[in-house]
Amino acid sequence: MSLYAPDGYLQEWEVGIPSSEPVIVQGYQAHTAQWVLHDSPARFRILTCGRRWGKTFACVAEMMKQALEQSRSLCWWVAPFNRQTLIAYRLARRALAPFIDKARNGDLRIELKNGSVLEFRSAANYDSLRGEGVHLLIVDEAALVKREAWEEALRPTLTDTQGRAIFISTPKGRNWFYELYLRGQDPEYPEYQSFRFPTSSNPLIPKSELDDVKRTLPEKPYRQEYEAEFLEESAGVFRNIRACIKGILEPPQFGKAYILGVDLARKADFTVLTVIDVKERKVVAFDRFNQVSWQVQIERIVKMAKEYNDAQVIVDSTGLGDVVIEALEQRGLYVEGFLFTNKTKQQMIENLQMLLEREEISFPELPELIHELEIFQYEMTKSGNITYNAPKGAHDDCVMSLGLACWTLKAHGPMQIFV
């Protein structure tokens, strides 16, 4: 039987499980805009949605439909970070309770009595997503997922199964998710269909609430986050990113001066080393690593600094940074510390903003750096102050390393952004 009720609402999900009587699951009610998603026959559906539109509920329902109506289906929910997959997993586990054979909370896997499997995966390490034949793929917050995760890992999982995919996200500028959205508007791609759903298309959100949000948010963040518009640049922090992608990494050249920006980490985050050619203002060396001892980190910093003509080193001195700085100085390096506070971080980030807008720096095609620049965001505190950070669960180590190196460029003129 069809999982969907004929009036366009999922008031009752009536399904048949082999060797058992049909059962009724009470739950989800689709509003009118959600029904547009459910009614689409496209193999690839792309949804740009405003905040609180209901995309998680709608796509969990799509997974259930596939898993319950097509025995032995493999369904994947893939999100940028584990926290987001956990939300969908909990919804699906509650709704599917009568049909579950096994549920493993440790690896977010649900096995149904009809042989179907639902898995909830993170795209952070997309190499782990290779090798499976998937029948339905949901890519949650797709604008925050790396292009390489889709092209190199996820798209091949749909090949032998002729599987389907749904991409849902709030837009973040005009990245690969935007390109997919345009493909869904192009009649040359009949398997793709795209939709734009502002928050206001959810009838459960009071108009008064949206009116208040519109009054209190800047125009561009409101258009992006609530109207689901693809702005020419993200309503995040950095603009003109793609115009600054030029050249390749280069070995050191005799007589040139270099700056090495170092953002330190130990376990969860990454230590990132970024070397900039002072005269040409371009990134010529880049290293990113984690889960190594402080001594190993110090050795890698020393090696890169000495290789690049005893580069001037600027290091995040927050936390244990002073200990690292002292060790580097003992190795004969010229080192400066940068203590992160709300004020100094804002100054550093706004310096980097200006350099990117003016195309006064450049860097090669470095996927980790570019991704972090594209998703970096700001928030307005209740007291009216601005804070800068990566989205929850994401990294900003590449941004910080580049920002530190660019901060030191200020001392080398002719560019002077802050007096």
Protein backbone atom coordinates (compact mmCIF):
# COMPACT_ATOMS: atom_id res chain seq x y z
CA MET A 1 0.00 0.00 0.00
CA SER A 2 1.08 3.58 -0.50
CA LEU A 3 2.63 5.23 2.50
CA TYR A 4 0.92 8.51 1.65
CA ALA A 5 -2.71 9.29 2.29
CA PRO A 6 -4.62 10.43 -0.84
CA ASP A 7 -5.45 13.89 0.50
CA GLY A 8 -1.78 14.86 0.61
CA TYR A 9 -1.31 14.32 4.33
CA LEU A 10 0.61 11.58 6.04
CA GLN A 11 -1.91 11.35 8.85
CA GLU A 12 -1.69 7.56 8.78
CA TRP A 13 1.06 5.45 7.27
CA GLU A 14 -0.45 2.12 6.24
CA VAL A 15 2.16 -0.39 5.17
CA GLY A 16 2.48 -4.14 4.78
CA ILE A 17 5.36 -6.14 6.26
CA PRO A 18 5.90 -9.62 4.69
CA SER A 19 4.40 -12.43 6.80
CA SER A 20 2.50 -10.01 9.02
CA GLU A 21 -0.75 -8.10 9.09
CA PRO A 22 -0.82 -4.50 7.84
CA VAL A 23 -0.19 -2.02 10.64
CA ILE A 24 -0.94 1.66 11.17
CA VAL A 25 1.73 4.12 12.31
CA GLN A 26 0.47 7.43 13.64
CA GLY A 27 2.73 10.41 13.22
CA TYR A 28 3.76 12.96 10.66
CA GLN A 29 1.39 15.37 8.95
CA ALA A 30 2.83 17.04 5.85
CA HIS A 31 1.93 20.65 5.26
CA THR A 32 1.17 21.83 1.72
CA ALA A 33 4.74 22.77 0.79
CA GLN A 34 6.14 19.48 2.11
CA TRP A 35 3.69 17.63 -0.08
CA VAL A 36 5.37 19.19 -3.14
CA LEU A 37 8.52 17.27 -2.18
CA HIS A 38 6.65 14.02 -1.59
CA ASP A 39 4.78 14.32 -4.86
CA SER A 40 7.87 14.83 -7.04
CA PRO A 41 8.88 11.84 -9.21
CA ALA A 42 12.39 13.19 -9.89
CA ARG A 43 15.33 10.92 -9.18
CA PHE A 44 17.33 13.86 -7.75
CA ARG A 45 15.38 16.40 -5.72
CA ILE A 46 17.08 19.58 -4.51
CA LEU A 47 15.44 21.73 -1.84
CA THR A 48 16.69 25.10 -0.65
CA CYS A 49 14.74 25.73 2.52
CA GLY A 50 14.38 28.47 5.08
CA ARG A 51 14.96 27.79 8.76
CA ARG A 52 12.25 25.73 10.51
CA TRP A 53 10.57 24.74 7.26
CA GLY A 54 10.35 21.10 8.37
CA LYS A 55 12.90 19.52 6.04
CA THR A 56 14.12 16.95 8.58
CA PHE A 57 10.64 15.58 9.28
CA ALA A 58 9.81 15.49 5.57
CA CYS A 59 12.96 13.62 4.59
CA VAL A 60 12.73 11.13 7.45
CA ALA A 61 9.27 10.35 6.05
CA GLU A 62 10.82 9.82 2.60
CA MET A 63 13.35 7.37 4.09
CA MET A 64 10.59 5.47 5.85
CA LYS A 65 8.57 5.25 2.66
CA GLN A 66 11.52 3.75 0.78
CA ALA A 67 12.52 1.37 3.58
CA LEU A 68 9.01 0.09 4.31
CA GLU A 69 7.65 -0.18 0.77
CA GLN A 70 10.80 -1.62 -0.84
CA SER A 71 12.18 -4.56 1.11
CA ARG A 72 15.95 -4.87 1.50
CA SER A 73 16.53 -1.21 0.69
CA LEU A 74 19.64 0.57 1.93
CA CYS A 75 18.89 4.17 2.92
CA TRP A 76 21.52 6.68 3.97
CA TRP A 77 21.15 9.96 5.79
CA VAL A 78 24.39 11.94 5.39
CA ALA A 79 25.02 15.26 7.15
CA PRO A 80 28.16 17.38 7.60
CA PHE A 81 28.49 16.53 11.30
CA ASN A 82 27.46 13.74 13.66
CA ARG A 83 25.17 16.00 15.69
CA GLN A 84 22.86 16.51 12.70
CA THR A 85 22.65 12.81 11.86
CA LEU A 86 21.68 12.05 15.45
CA ILE A 87 18.57 14.25 15.21
CA ALA A 88 17.30 12.35 12.16
CA TYR A 89 18.22 8.97 13.67
CA ARG A 90 16.16 9.62 16.79
CA LEU A 91 13.14 10.69 14.75
CA ALA A 92 13.35 7.63 12.53
CA ARG A 93 13.85 5.22 15.41
CA ARG A 94 10.76 6.47 17.24
CA ALA A 95 8.57 6.41 14.14
CA LEU A 96 9.77 2.99 12.95
CA ALA A 97 9.58 1.26 16.35
CA PRO A 98 6.98 -1.40 15.32
CA PHE A 99 9.06 -2.46 12.31
CA ILE A 100 12.56 -2.59 13.82
CA ASP A 101 14.47 -5.85 14.06
CA LYS A 102 17.68 -4.29 15.45
CA ALA A 103 18.78 -0.75 16.26
CA ARG A 104 22.38 0.05 17.09
CA ASN A 105 22.74 3.44 18.74
CA GLY A 106 26.53 3.25 18.62
CA ASP A 107 26.77 3.42 14.84
CA LEU A 108 23.29 4.93 14.17
CA ARG A 109 22.00 1.95 12.20
CA ILE A 110 18.42 0.64 12.04
CA GLU A 111 17.61 -2.80 10.61
CA LEU A 112 13.95 -3.50 9.78
CA LYS A 113 12.07 -6.79 9.78
CA ASN A 114 11.70 -6.62 5.98
CA GLY A 115 15.48 -6.51 5.48
CA SER A 116 15.77 -2.78 4.85
CA VAL A 117 18.56 -0.86 6.55
CA LEU A 118 18.75 2.84 7.48
CA GLU A 119 22.16 4.31 8.28
CA PHE A 120 22.95 7.81 9.50
CA ARG A 121 26.44 8.92 8.49
CA SER A 122 28.73 11.93 8.77
CA ALA A 123 30.40 13.46 5.71
CA ALA A 124 33.32 14.77 7.78
CA ASN A 125 35.47 11.81 6.68
CA TYR A 126 33.91 11.16 3.30
CA ASP A 127 36.34 8.38 2.37
CA SER A 128 34.38 6.19 4.79
CA LEU A 129 31.28 6.61 2.58
CA ARG A 130 32.66 4.63 -0.35
CA GLY A 131 31.68 1.16 -1.49
CA GLU A 132 27.96 0.75 -0.70
CA GLY A 133 25.00 0.42 -3.06
CA VAL A 134 22.42 2.90 -1.77
CA HIS A 135 18.77 3.04 -2.84
CA LEU A 136 17.85 6.37 -1.23
CA LEU A 137 20.32 9.03 -0.13
CA ILE A 138 19.41 12.10 1.92
CA VAL A 139 22.11 14.79 2.04
CA ASP A 140 21.26 17.10 4.93
CA GLU A 141 22.64 20.67 5.06
CA ALA A 142 24.20 19.92 1.68
CA ALA A 143 25.67 23.42 1.34
CA LEU A 144 27.98 22.59 4.25
CA VAL A 145 29.09 19.25 2.78
CA LYS A 146 32.25 19.30 0.69
CA ARG A 147 31.83 19.03 -3.07
CA GLU A 148 34.32 16.13 -3.06
CA ALA A 149 32.10 14.15 -0.68
CA TRP A 150 29.29 14.14 -3.25
CA GLU A 151 31.35 13.74 -6.40
CA GLU A 152 33.93 11.22 -5.18
CA ALA A 153 32.08 9.20 -2.53
CA LEU A 154 28.30 9.62 -2.51
CA ARG A 155 27.36 9.83 -6.20
CA PRO A 156 29.02 6.46 -7.01
CA THR A 157 26.94 4.72 -4.31
CA LEU A 158 23.82 5.32 -6.43
CA THR A 159 25.19 3.93 -9.69
CA ASP A 160 24.53 0.19 -9.61
CA THR A 161 21.24 0.57 -7.70
CA GLN A 162 20.03 3.50 -9.84
CA GLY A 163 19.35 5.01 -6.44
CA ARG A 164 17.63 8.32 -5.74
CA ALA A 165 18.83 11.32 -3.74
CA ILE A 166 17.33 14.30 -1.94
CA PHE A 167 19.49 17.32 -1.14
CA ILE A 168 18.19 19.66 1.54
CA SER A 169 19.87 22.78 2.84
CA THR A 170 19.74 26.40 3.74
CA PRO A 171 21.88 28.09 1.05
CA LYS A 172 25.43 29.21 1.79
CA GLY A 173 26.37 31.35 -1.17
CA ARG A 174 26.72 29.93 -4.67
CA ASN A 175 28.67 26.73 -4.17
CA TRP A 176 28.13 23.19 -5.52
CA PHE A 177 24.69 22.99 -3.88
CA TYR A 178 23.69 26.05 -5.89
CA GLU A 179 24.96 24.33 -9.05
CA LEU A 180 22.74 21.33 -8.27
CA TYR A 181 19.81 23.66 -7.71
CA LEU A 182 20.33 25.24 -11.15
CA ARG A 183 20.52 21.78 -12.71
CA GLY A 184 17.12 21.05 -11.23
CA GLN A 185 15.73 24.10 -13.06
CA ASP A 186 17.23 23.05 -16.41
CA PRO A 187 15.06 20.97 -18.79
CA GLU A 188 18.26 19.42 -20.15
CA TYR A 189 18.44 17.44 -16.88
CA PRO A 190 15.04 15.69 -16.65
CA GLU A 191 16.09 13.51 -13.68
CA TYR A 192 16.67 16.61 -11.53
CA GLN A 193 14.04 18.85 -9.95
CA SER A 194 14.67 21.70 -7.54
CA PHE A 195 12.47 23.72 -5.22
CA ARG A 196 12.80 26.83 -3.09
CA PHE A 197 10.79 26.91 0.13
CA PRO A 198 11.05 30.02 2.34
CA THR A 199 10.24 29.64 6.02
CA SER A 200 6.95 31.43 5.38
CA SER A 201 5.73 28.42 3.35
CA ASN A 202 5.47 26.48 6.62
CA PRO A 203 1.96 27.35 7.87
CA LEU A 204 2.93 26.40 11.43
CA ILE A 205 5.29 29.41 11.74
CA PRO A 206 3.33 32.53 12.84
CA LYS A 207 3.73 35.55 10.57
CA SER A 208 4.36 37.69 13.66
CA GLU A 209 7.44 35.59 14.44
CA LEU A 210 8.88 36.12 10.96
CA ASP A 211 8.08 39.83 11.12
CA ASP A 212 10.07 40.09 14.34
CA VAL A 213 13.03 38.17 12.87
CA LYS A 214 13.01 40.42 9.80
CA ARG A 215 13.12 43.53 11.98
CA THR A 216 16.05 42.31 14.06
CA LEU A 217 18.30 40.58 11.49
CA PRO A 218 20.42 42.28 8.81
CA GLU A 219 18.90 42.04 5.34
CA LYS A 220 21.28 39.53 3.77
CA PRO A 221 21.24 36.94 6.57
CA TYR A 222 17.43 37.15 6.60
CA ARG A 223 17.20 36.62 2.85
CA GLN A 224 19.57 33.66 3.02
CA GLU A 225 18.40 31.94 6.20
CA TYR A 226 14.65 32.59 6.02
CA GLU A 227 13.88 33.38 2.38
CA ALA A 228 16.22 30.57 1.22
CA GLU A 229 17.83 32.82 -1.39
CA PHE A 230 21.13 32.06 -3.07
CA LEU A 231 23.00 35.31 -2.67
CA GLU A 232 25.94 36.05 -4.95
CA GLU A 233 28.12 35.65 -1.90
CA SER A 234 27.13 33.89 1.28
CA ALA A 235 25.61 36.04 3.98
CA GLY A 236 28.42 34.69 6.06
CA VAL A 237 31.71 36.48 6.57
CA PHE A 238 33.95 36.22 3.51
CA ARG A 239 33.26 37.42 -0.02
CA ASN A 240 35.11 37.06 -3.31
CA ILE A 241 36.68 33.77 -2.24
CA ARG A 242 36.73 32.13 -5.67
CA ALA A 243 38.39 35.13 -7.31
CA CYS A 244 41.36 34.67 -4.97
CA ILE A 245 42.02 31.05 -6.00
CA LYS A 246 45.13 31.23 -8.17
CA GLY A 247 48.36 29.37 -8.77
CA ILE A 248 49.85 26.35 -7.04
CA LEU A 249 51.93 25.65 -3.94
CA GLU A 250 55.57 26.54 -4.56
CA PRO A 251 58.96 25.65 -3.11
CA PRO A 252 60.95 28.40 -1.40
CA GLN A 253 62.95 30.82 -3.56
CA PHE A 254 66.29 32.32 -2.60
CA GLY A 255 66.10 35.85 -1.23
CA LYS A 256 62.32 35.88 -0.67
CA ALA A 257 60.67 36.70 2.66
CA TYR A 258 57.89 34.47 4.01
CA ILE A 259 55.41 34.47 6.88
CA LEU A 260 54.19 31.26 8.55
CA GLY A 261 50.81 31.42 10.30
CA VAL A 262 50.24 28.63 12.85
CA ASP A 263 46.89 27.70 14.39
CA LEU A 264 47.50 25.11 17.10
CA ALA A 265 45.37 22.13 18.09
CA ARG A 266 45.88 18.78 19.74
CA LYS A 267 43.05 16.28 19.26
CA ALA A 268 39.63 17.17 17.84
CA ASP A 269 40.74 20.20 15.82
CA PHE A 270 43.65 20.52 13.40
CA THR A 271 46.97 22.29 13.56
CA VAL A 272 47.34 24.24 10.32
CA LEU A 273 50.49 25.83 8.88
CA THR A 274 50.12 28.44 6.13
CA VAL A 275 53.10 30.10 4.45
CA ILE A 276 52.64 33.37 2.55
CA ASP A 277 55.08 35.01 0.15
CA VAL A 278 55.38 38.53 1.59
CA LYS A 279 56.04 40.35 -1.69
CA GLU A 280 53.50 38.57 -3.89
CA ARG A 281 51.00 37.98 -1.07
CA LYS A 282 50.20 34.42 -2.08
CA VAL A 283 50.01 31.15 -0.18
CA VAL A 284 52.95 28.97 -1.20
CA ALA A 285 52.88 26.18 1.43
CA PHE A 286 50.15 24.54 3.49
CA ASP A 287 50.04 21.71 6.03
CA ARG A 288 47.14 20.39 8.13
CA PHE A 289 47.33 17.60 10.71
CA ASN A 290 45.96 16.46 14.07
CA GLN A 291 46.29 13.86 16.82
CA VAL A 292 50.05 14.24 17.15
CA SER A 293 52.12 15.23 20.18
CA TRP A 294 53.25 18.78 20.89
CA GLN A 295 56.84 17.74 20.17
CA VAL A 296 55.91 16.45 16.71
CA GLN A 297 53.99 19.65 16.01
CA ILE A 298 56.98 21.75 17.03
CA GLU A 299 59.26 19.75 14.73
CA ARG A 300 56.92 20.24 11.77
CA ILE A 301 56.68 23.97 12.41
CA VAL A 302 60.48 24.28 12.69
CA LYS A 303 61.01 22.27 9.49
CA MET A 304 58.61 24.41 7.46
CA ALA A 305 59.87 27.74 8.84
CA LYS A 306 63.52 26.89 8.16
CA GLU A 307 62.71 25.52 4.72
CA TYR A 308 61.07 28.82 3.80
CA ASN A 309 64.12 30.99 4.46
CA ASP A 310 63.63 31.20 8.24
CA ALA A 311 60.09 32.50 7.82
CA GLN A 312 58.67 34.83 10.42
CA VAL A 313 56.26 32.73 12.51
CA ILE A 314 53.04 33.97 14.11
CA VAL A 315 51.38 31.51 16.49
CA ASP A 316 48.08 31.35 18.33
CA SER A 317 49.28 31.93 21.89
CA THR A 318 45.96 31.06 23.53
CA GLY A 319 46.08 28.18 26.02
CA LEU A 320 49.35 26.26 25.70
CA GLY A 321 50.51 28.42 22.82
CA ASP A 322 53.09 30.23 24.96
CA VAL A 323 54.82 26.93 25.71
CA VAL A 324 55.07 26.18 21.98
CA ILE A 325 56.34 29.71 21.27
CA GLU A 326 59.10 29.32 23.84
CA ALA A 327 60.13 25.98 22.33
CA LEU A 328 60.22 27.50 18.82
CA GLU A 329 62.31 30.45 20.00
CA GLN A 330 64.77 28.02 21.57
CA ARG A 331 65.14 26.47 18.11
CA GLY A 332 66.21 29.82 16.70
CA LEU A 333 62.96 30.94 15.03
CA TYR A 334 61.61 34.50 15.03
CA VAL A 335 58.19 34.01 16.61
CA GLU A 336 55.32 36.29 17.57
CA GLY A 337 52.29 35.26 19.61
CA PHE A 338 48.71 36.28 18.89
CA LEU A 339 46.34 36.07 21.86
CA PHE A 340 42.75 35.46 20.76
CA THR A 341 40.11 37.57 22.48
CA ASN A 342 36.75 38.62 21.03
CA LYS A 343 38.29 41.95 20.03
CA THR A 344 41.55 40.66 18.51
CA LYS A 345 39.77 37.85 16.66
CA GLN A 346 37.33 40.35 15.17
CA GLN A 347 40.19 42.57 14.03
CA MET A 348 42.03 39.63 12.45
CA ILE A 349 38.94 38.32 10.66
CA GLU A 350 37.95 41.75 9.34
CA ASN A 351 41.49 42.23 8.07
CA LEU A 352 41.18 38.94 6.16
CA GLN A 353 37.74 40.01 4.88
CA MET A 354 39.18 43.14 3.35
CA LEU A 355 42.09 41.34 1.73
CA LEU A 356 39.75 38.86 0.06
CA GLU A 357 37.33 41.54 -1.14
CA ARG A 358 40.19 43.50 -2.69
CA GLU A 359 41.85 40.35 -4.10
CA GLU A 360 45.06 41.37 -2.34
CA ILE A 361 45.93 37.78 -1.41
CA SER A 362 45.71 34.53 -3.34
CA PHE A 363 45.87 30.81 -2.61
CA PRO A 364 45.78 27.58 -4.66
CA GLU A 365 42.79 25.25 -4.86
CA LEU A 366 42.97 23.99 -1.25
CA PRO A 367 39.62 22.26 -0.56
CA GLU A 368 39.82 22.39 3.24
CA LEU A 369 40.66 26.12 3.27
CA ILE A 370 38.06 27.06 0.68
CA HIS A 371 35.34 25.07 2.42
CA GLU A 372 36.08 26.72 5.77
CA LEU A 373 36.08 30.19 4.22
CA GLU A 374 32.73 29.53 2.54
CA ILE A 375 30.93 28.33 5.67
CA PHE A 376 32.53 30.69 8.21
CA GLN A 377 29.82 32.76 9.88
CA TYR A 378 29.08 35.54 12.31
CA GLU A 379 26.51 35.88 15.07
CA MET A 380 25.09 38.93 16.75
CA THR A 381 25.02 38.61 20.55
CA LYS A 382 22.18 39.93 22.68
CA SER A 383 24.39 42.84 23.66
CA GLY A 384 24.85 43.76 19.98
CA ASN A 385 28.42 42.49 19.59
CA ILE A 386 29.60 40.40 16.65
CA THR A 387 31.27 37.02 17.15
CA TYR A 388 32.95 35.02 14.40
CA ASN A 389 33.15 31.23 14.23
CA ALA A 390 32.61 28.11 12.19
CA PRO A 391 29.19 26.39 12.30
CA LYS A 392 28.81 23.99 15.23
CA GLY A 393 30.73 20.80 14.52
CA ALA A 394 32.82 22.37 11.73
CA HIS A 395 36.45 23.50 11.75
CA ASP A 396 37.94 26.97 11.34
CA ASP A 397 41.63 26.09 11.76
CA CYS A 398 42.52 26.87 8.13
CA VAL A 399 40.81 30.26 8.38
CA MET A 400 42.66 31.08 11.59
CA SER A 401 46.04 30.05 10.17
CA LEU A 402 45.54 32.15 7.04
CA GLY A 403 44.20 35.02 9.13
CA LEU A 404 47.27 34.97 11.39
CA ALA A 405 49.66 35.06 8.43
CA CYS A 406 47.69 37.89 6.83
CA TRP A 407 47.66 39.85 10.09
CA THR A 408 51.46 39.85 10.07
CA LEU A 409 51.45 41.07 6.45
CA LYS A 410 50.17 44.39 7.79
CA ALA A 411 53.65 45.16 9.11
CA HIS A 412 55.15 44.75 5.63
CA GLY A 413 53.07 47.42 3.80
CA PRO A 414 51.96 48.91 1.53
CA MET A 415 48.53 47.61 2.53
CA GLN A 416 47.32 49.18 5.77
CA ILE A 417 43.79 48.26 6.75
CA PHE A 418 43.76 49.10 10.43
CA VAL A 419 45.59 52.06 11.90
